[in-house]
Every structure is written in structure tokens, then in C-alpha cells.
PDB file of N, CA and C in Angstrom:
ATOM      1  N   UNK A   1     -88.754  91.129  33.449  1.00  0.00           N
ATOM      2  CA  UNK A   1     -89.842  91.977  33.830  1.00  0.00           C
ATOM      3  C   UNK A   1     -89.903  93.277  33.001  1.00  0.00           C
ATOM      4  N   UNK A   2     -91.043  93.741  32.904  1.00  0.00           N
ATOM      5  CA  UNK A   2     -91.363  94.885  32.080  1.00  0.00           C
ATOM      6  C   UNK A   2     -90.791  96.143  32.702  1.00  0.00           C
ATOM      7  N   UNK A   3     -89.982  96.870  31.986  1.00  0.00           N
ATOM      8  CA  UNK A   3     -89.431  98.250  32.499  1.00  0.00           C
ATOM      9  C   UNK A   3     -88.065  98.041  33.026  1.00  0.00           C
ATOM     10  N   UNK A   4     -87.461  96.894  33.225  1.00  0.00           N
ATOM     11  CA  UNK A   4     -86.128  96.834  33.788  1.00  0.00           C
ATOM     12  C   UNK A   4     -84.989  97.415  32.926  1.00  0.00           C
ATOM     13  N   UNK A   5     -85.224  97.312  31.637  1.00  0.00           N
ATOM     14  CA  UNK A   5     -84.150  97.953  30.766  1.00  0.00           C
ATOM     15  C   UNK A   5     -84.361  99.411  30.678  1.00  0.00           C
ATOM     16  N   UNK A   6     -85.636  99.933  30.669  1.00  0.00           N
ATOM     17  CA  UNK A   6     -85.893 101.280  30.774  1.00  0.00           C
ATOM     18  C   UNK A   6     -85.338 101.950  31.961  1.00  0.00           C
ATOM     19  N   UNK A   7     -85.570 101.308  33.141  1.00  0.00           N
ATOM     20  CA  UNK A   7     -85.045 101.826  34.427  1.00  0.00           C
ATOM     21  C   UNK A   7     -83.492 101.892  34.436  1.00  0.00           C
ATOM     22  N   UNK A   8     -82.824 100.921  33.767  1.00  0.00           N
ATOM     23  CA  UNK A   8     -81.394 100.833  33.636  1.00  0.00           C
ATOM     24  C   UNK A   8     -80.930 102.036  32.935  1.00  0.00           C
ATOM     25  N   UNK A   9     -81.557 102.199  31.660  1.00  0.00           N
ATOM     26  CA  UNK A   9     -81.257 103.315  30.739  1.00  0.00           C
ATOM     27  C   UNK A   9     -81.407 104.704  31.555  1.00  0.00           C
ATOM     28  N   UNK A  10     -82.572 104.874  32.253  1.00  0.00           N
ATOM     29  CA  UNK A  10     -82.796 106.108  32.954  1.00  0.00           C
ATOM     30  C   UNK A  10     -81.692 106.311  34.069  1.00  0.00           C
ATOM     31  N   UNK A  11     -81.293 105.292  34.639  1.00  0.00           N
ATOM     32  CA  UNK A  11     -80.264 105.356  35.698  1.00  0.00           C
ATOM     33  C   UNK A  11     -78.956 105.697  35.041  1.00  0.00           C
ATOM     34  N   UNK A  12     -78.666 105.160  33.759  1.00  0.00           N
ATOM     35  CA  UNK A  12     -77.402 105.464  33.124  1.00  0.00           C
ATOM     36  C   UNK A  12     -77.381 106.921  32.705  1.00  0.00           C
ATOM     37  N   UNK A  13     -78.525 107.341  32.251  1.00  0.00           N
ATOM     38  CA  UNK A  13     -78.624 108.808  31.721  1.00  0.00           C
ATOM     39  C   UNK A  13     -78.394 109.763  32.946  1.00  0.00           C
ATOM     40  N   UNK A  14     -79.038 109.418  34.123  1.00  0.00           N
ATOM     41  CA  UNK A  14     -78.812 110.198  35.310  1.00  0.00           C
ATOM     42  C   UNK A  14     -77.345 110.229  35.719  1.00  0.00           C
ATOM     43  N   UNK A  15     -76.724 108.931  35.733  1.00  0.00           N
ATOM     44  CA  UNK A  15     -75.392 109.000  36.098  1.00  0.00           C
ATOM     45  C   UNK A  15     -74.523 109.714  35.221  1.00  0.00           C
ATOM     46  N   UNK A  16     -74.612 109.588  33.873  1.00  0.00           N
ATOM     47  CA  UNK A  16     -73.892 110.271  32.941  1.00  0.00           C
ATOM     48  C   UNK A  16     -73.920 111.851  33.068  1.00  0.00           C
ATOM     49  N   UNK A  17     -75.172 112.355  33.442  1.00  0.00           N
ATOM     50  CA  UNK A  17     -75.317 113.691  33.618  1.00  0.00           C
ATOM     51  C   UNK A  17     -74.799 114.260  34.986  1.00  0.00           C
ATOM     52  N   UNK A  18     -74.634 113.263  35.952  1.00  0.00           N
ATOM     53  CA  UNK A  18     -74.267 113.844  37.218  1.00  0.00           C
ATOM     54  C   UNK A  18     -72.975 113.246  37.919  1.00  0.00           C
ATOM     55  N   UNK A  19     -72.418 112.219  37.476  1.00  0.00           N
ATOM     56  CA  UNK A  19     -71.313 111.583  38.033  1.00  0.00           C
ATOM     57  C   UNK A  19     -70.030 111.816  37.285  1.00  0.00           C
ATOM     58  N   UNK A  20     -69.990 112.667  36.347  1.00  0.00           N
ATOM     59  CA  UNK A  20     -68.753 112.856  35.585  1.00  0.00           C
ATOM     60  C   UNK A  20     -68.208 111.611  34.829  1.00  0.00           C
ATOM     61  N   UNK A  21     -66.989 111.276  35.115  1.00  0.00           N
ATOM     62  CA  UNK A  21     -66.399 110.049  34.435  1.00  0.00           C
ATOM     63  C   UNK A  21     -66.170 108.917  35.359  1.00  0.00           C
ATOM     64  N   UNK A  22     -66.957 108.924  36.398  1.00  0.00           N
ATOM     65  CA  UNK A  22     -66.932 107.805  37.453  1.00  0.00           C
ATOM     66  C   UNK A  22     -67.869 106.686  36.871  1.00  0.00           C
ATOM     67  N   UNK A  23     -67.223 105.975  35.906  1.00  0.00           N
ATOM     68  CA  UNK A  23     -68.095 104.974  35.213  1.00  0.00           C
ATOM     69  C   UNK A  23     -68.525 103.856  36.130  1.00  0.00           C
ATOM     70  N   UNK A  24     -67.767 103.515  37.010  1.00  0.00           N
ATOM     71  CA  UNK A  24     -68.210 102.422  37.869  1.00  0.00           C
ATOM     72  C   UNK A  24     -69.432 102.894  38.695  1.00  0.00           C
ATOM     73  N   UNK A  25     -69.455 104.127  39.212  1.00  0.00           N
ATOM     74  CA  UNK A  25     -70.553 104.663  39.954  1.00  0.00           C
ATOM     75  C   UNK A  25     -71.798 104.730  39.033  1.00  0.00           C
ATOM     76  N   UNK A  26     -71.521 105.182  37.796  1.00  0.00           N
ATOM     77  CA  UNK A  26     -72.671 105.320  36.846  1.00  0.00           C
ATOM     78  C   UNK A  26     -73.340 103.913  36.517  1.00  0.00           C
ATOM     79  N   UNK A  27     -72.548 102.891  36.331  1.00  0.00           N
ATOM     80  CA  UNK A  27     -73.075 101.608  35.975  1.00  0.00           C
ATOM     81  C   UNK A  27     -73.714 100.986  37.277  1.00  0.00           C
ATOM     82  N   UNK A  28     -73.148 101.166  38.397  1.00  0.00           N
ATOM     83  CA  UNK A  28     -73.736 100.699  39.642  1.00  0.00           C
ATOM     84  C   UNK A  28     -75.094 101.330  39.887  1.00  0.00           C
ATOM     85  N   UNK A  29     -75.196 102.686  39.696  1.00  0.00           N
ATOM     86  CA  UNK A  29     -76.515 103.363  39.804  1.00  0.00           C
ATOM     87  C   UNK A  29     -77.488 102.851  38.903  1.00  0.00           C
ATOM     88  N   UNK A  30     -77.194 102.608  37.586  1.00  0.00           N
ATOM     89  CA  UNK A  30     -78.047 102.050  36.644  1.00  0.00           C
ATOM     90  C   UNK A  30     -78.466 100.714  37.007  1.00  0.00           C
ATOM     91  N   UNK A  31     -77.575  99.888  37.469  1.00  0.00           N
ATOM     92  CA  UNK A  31     -77.988  98.547  37.889  1.00  0.00           C
ATOM     93  C   UNK A  31     -78.997  98.533  39.018  1.00  0.00           C
ATOM     94  N   UNK A  32     -78.692  99.380  40.057  1.00  0.00           N
ATOM     95  CA  UNK A  32     -79.516  99.436  41.190  1.00  0.00           C
ATOM     96  C   UNK A  32     -80.910  99.940  40.827  1.00  0.00           C
ATOM     97  N   UNK A  33     -80.982 100.976  39.891  1.00  0.00           N
ATOM     98  CA  UNK A  33     -82.323 101.463  39.390  1.00  0.00           C
ATOM     99  C   UNK A  33     -83.065 100.284  38.783  1.00  0.00           C
ATOM    100  N   UNK A  34     -82.377  99.560  38.046  1.00  0.00           N
ATOM    101  CA  UNK A  34     -83.050  98.364  37.330  1.00  0.00           C
ATOM    102  C   UNK A  34     -83.486  97.325  38.325  1.00  0.00           C
ATOM    103  N   UNK A  35     -82.639  96.942  39.311  1.00  0.00           N
ATOM    104  CA  UNK A  35     -82.997  95.974  40.342  1.00  0.00           C
ATOM    105  C   UNK A  35     -84.231  96.510  41.152  1.00  0.00           C
ATOM    106  N   UNK A  36     -84.303  97.710  41.452  1.00  0.00           N
ATOM    107  CA  UNK A  36     -85.419  98.301  42.189  1.00  0.00           C
ATOM    108  C   UNK A  36     -86.745  98.196  41.379  1.00  0.00           C
ATOM    109  N   UNK A  37     -86.635  98.269  40.095  1.00  0.00           N
ATOM    110  CA  UNK A  37     -87.787  98.210  39.161  1.00  0.00           C
ATOM    111  C   UNK A  37     -88.363  96.831  39.219  1.00  0.00           C
ATOM    112  N   UNK A  38     -87.622  95.841  39.391  1.00  0.00           N
ATOM    113  CA  UNK A  38     -88.151  94.455  39.505  1.00  0.00           C
ATOM    114  C   UNK A  38     -88.951  94.251  40.718  1.00  0.00           C
ATOM    115  N   UNK A  39     -88.959  95.202  41.658  1.00  0.00           N
ATOM    116  CA  UNK A  39     -89.823  94.961  42.833  1.00  0.00           C
ATOM    117  C   UNK A  39     -91.143  95.788  42.822  1.00  0.00           C
ATOM    118  N   UNK A  40     -91.432  96.399  41.611  1.00  0.00           N
ATOM    119  CA  UNK A  40     -92.664  97.129  41.472  1.00  0.00           C
ATOM    120  C   UNK A  40     -93.535  96.593  40.274  1.00  0.00           C
ATOM    121  N   UNK A  41     -94.816  96.660  40.312  1.00  0.00           N
ATOM    122  CA  UNK A  41     -95.602  96.098  39.270  1.00  0.00           C
ATOM    123  C   UNK A  41     -95.743  97.246  38.061  1.00  0.00           C
ATOM    124  N   UNK A  42     -95.959  96.763  36.904  1.00  0.00           N
ATOM    125  CA  UNK A  42     -96.147  97.666  35.702  1.00  0.00           C
ATOM    126  C   UNK A  42     -94.807  98.119  35.210  1.00  0.00           C
ATOM    127  N   UNK A  43     -94.960  99.108  34.251  1.00  0.00           N
ATOM    128  CA  UNK A  43     -93.651  99.467  33.561  1.00  0.00           C
ATOM    129  C   UNK A  43     -93.258 100.865  34.037  1.00  0.00           C
ATOM    130  N   UNK A  44     -93.661 101.354  35.091  1.00  0.00           N
ATOM    131  CA  UNK A  44     -93.169 102.705  35.537  1.00  0.00           C
ATOM    132  C   UNK A  44     -92.284 102.367  36.842  1.00  0.00           C
ATOM    133  N   UNK A  45     -91.163 102.969  36.862  1.00  0.00           N
ATOM    134  CA  UNK A  45     -90.250 102.841  38.089  1.00  0.00           C
ATOM    135  C   UNK A  45     -90.582 103.961  39.013  1.00  0.00           C
ATOM    136  N   UNK A  46     -91.093 103.472  40.151  1.00  0.00           N
ATOM    137  CA  UNK A  46     -91.524 104.567  41.263  1.00  0.00           C
ATOM    138  C   UNK A  46     -90.487 104.841  42.151  1.00  0.00           C
ATOM    139  N   UNK A  47     -89.293 104.245  42.000  1.00  0.00           N
ATOM    140  CA  UNK A  47     -88.107 104.506  42.791  1.00  0.00           C
ATOM    141  C   UNK A  47     -87.575 105.841  42.604  1.00  0.00           C
ATOM    142  N   UNK A  48     -87.176 106.503  43.693  1.00  0.00           N
ATOM    143  CA  UNK A  48     -86.622 107.879  43.628  1.00  0.00           C
ATOM    144  C   UNK A  48     -85.010 107.702  43.649  1.00  0.00           C
ATOM    145  N   UNK A  49     -84.404 108.798  43.274  1.00  0.00           N
ATOM    146  CA  UNK A  49     -82.990 108.864  43.357  1.00  0.00           C
ATOM    147  C   UNK A  49     -82.489 108.465  44.709  1.00  0.00           C
ATOM    148  N   UNK A  50     -83.165 108.824  45.752  1.00  0.00           N
ATOM    149  CA  UNK A  50     -82.833 108.593  47.180  1.00  0.00           C
ATOM    150  C   UNK A  50     -83.002 107.021  47.490  1.00  0.00           C
ATOM    151  N   UNK A  51     -83.922 106.410  46.800  1.00  0.00           N
ATOM    152  CA  UNK A  51     -84.122 104.934  46.914  1.00  0.00           C
ATOM    153  C   UNK A  51     -82.956 104.218  46.316  1.00  0.00           C
ATOM    154  N   UNK A  52     -82.585 104.636  45.113  1.00  0.00           N
ATOM    155  CA  UNK A  52     -81.514 103.923  44.467  1.00  0.00           C
ATOM    156  C   UNK A  52     -80.203 104.202  45.221  1.00  0.00           C
ATOM    157  N   UNK A  53     -79.946 105.400  45.754  1.00  0.00           N
ATOM    158  CA  UNK A  53     -78.688 105.678  46.517  1.00  0.00           C
ATOM    159  C   UNK A  53     -78.738 104.865  47.786  1.00  0.00           C
ATOM    160  N   UNK A  54     -79.765 104.647  48.369  1.00  0.00           N
ATOM    161  CA  UNK A  54     -79.998 103.848  49.696  1.00  0.00           C
ATOM    162  C   UNK A  54     -79.602 102.377  49.370  1.00  0.00           C
ATOM    163  N   UNK A  55     -80.005 101.897  48.231  1.00  0.00           N
ATOM    164  CA  UNK A  55     -79.732 100.542  47.881  1.00  0.00           C
ATOM    165  C   UNK A  55     -78.262 100.405  47.581  1.00  0.00           C
ATOM    166  N   UNK A  56     -77.596 101.409  46.979  1.00  0.00           N
ATOM    167  CA  UNK A  56     -76.194 101.397  46.805  1.00  0.00           C
ATOM    168  C   UNK A  56     -75.324 101.439  48.147  1.00  0.00           C
ATOM    169  N   UNK A  57     -75.835 102.075  49.124  1.00  0.00           N
ATOM    170  CA  UNK A  57     -75.152 102.197  50.372  1.00  0.00           C
ATOM    171  C   UNK A  57     -75.381 100.933  51.218  1.00  0.00           C
ATOM    172  N   UNK A  58     -76.372 100.173  50.923  1.00  0.00           N
ATOM    173  CA  UNK A  58     -76.667  98.859  51.707  1.00  0.00           C
ATOM    174  C   UNK A  58     -75.794  97.839  51.194  1.00  0.00           C
ATOM    175  N   UNK A  59     -74.683  97.537  51.855  1.00  0.00           N
ATOM    176  CA  UNK A  59     -73.755  96.483  51.511  1.00  0.00           C
ATOM    177  C   UNK A  59     -74.262  95.098  51.518  1.00  0.00           C
ATOM    178  N   UNK A  60     -75.470  94.884  52.100  1.00  0.00           N
ATOM    179  CA  UNK A  60     -76.055  93.585  52.175  1.00  0.00           C
ATOM    180  C   UNK A  60     -77.055  93.431  51.020  1.00  0.00           C
ATOM    181  N   UNK A  61     -77.209  94.422  50.266  1.00  0.00           N
ATOM    182  CA  UNK A  61     -78.167  94.420  49.124  1.00  0.00           C
ATOM    183  C   UNK A  61     -79.566  93.972  49.399  1.00  0.00           C
ATOM    184  N   UNK A  62     -79.948  94.236  50.551  1.00  0.00           N
ATOM    185  CA  UNK A  62     -81.330  93.865  50.958  1.00  0.00           C
ATOM    186  C   UNK A  62     -82.278  94.938  50.587  1.00  0.00           C
ATOM    187  N   UNK A  63     -83.118  94.644  49.640  1.00  0.00           N
ATOM    188  CA  UNK A  63     -84.029  95.632  48.996  1.00  0.00           C
ATOM    189  C   UNK A  63     -85.248  95.758  49.971  1.00  0.00           C
ATOM    190  N   UNK A  64     -85.550  96.819  50.500  1.00  0.00           N
ATOM    191  CA  UNK A  64     -86.654  97.026  51.481  1.00  0.00           C
ATOM    192  C   UNK A  64     -87.776  97.730  50.731  1.00  0.00           C
ATOM    193  N   UNK A  65     -88.948  97.202  50.816  1.00  0.00           N
ATOM    194  CA  UNK A  65     -90.147  97.857  50.036  1.00  0.00           C
ATOM    195  C   UNK A  65     -91.264  97.900  51.117  1.00  0.00           C
TER     196      UNK A  65
END
């Protein structure tokens, strides 16, 4: 889908700026941002940081939109 890679990189940049050297958290955040992008049309990721963090806290990985 269009924008998934861009969403991953945006999540990666956010993680690198905010999570120090917790590389597992950084990559998990980037993956979650990319996963959420696949549930929206177009090439803009409308998910917020709060949306990504909520997905990370959901151990069932059920994306709610």
C-alpha cells in the first residue's frame, strides 16, 4: 500500500528522537505506525502518536478504526 514505508520511516525518526537507545521500542513504534497506515486510504498517515502507542499497548494487536 502507498505510504507504508513513509509511515515506517516517520515512526523510526520519531523513535530515534524520543526513545534514546531503546532500539526494540524504536522499531516496534515504526512497525506500528506502518501497520496503522495500511488501514487508511491515500499516502498520508492520519494516525497520531497516541494511536500508535495504543496499538503497541494492545497485546491482541486488534487495530480499531
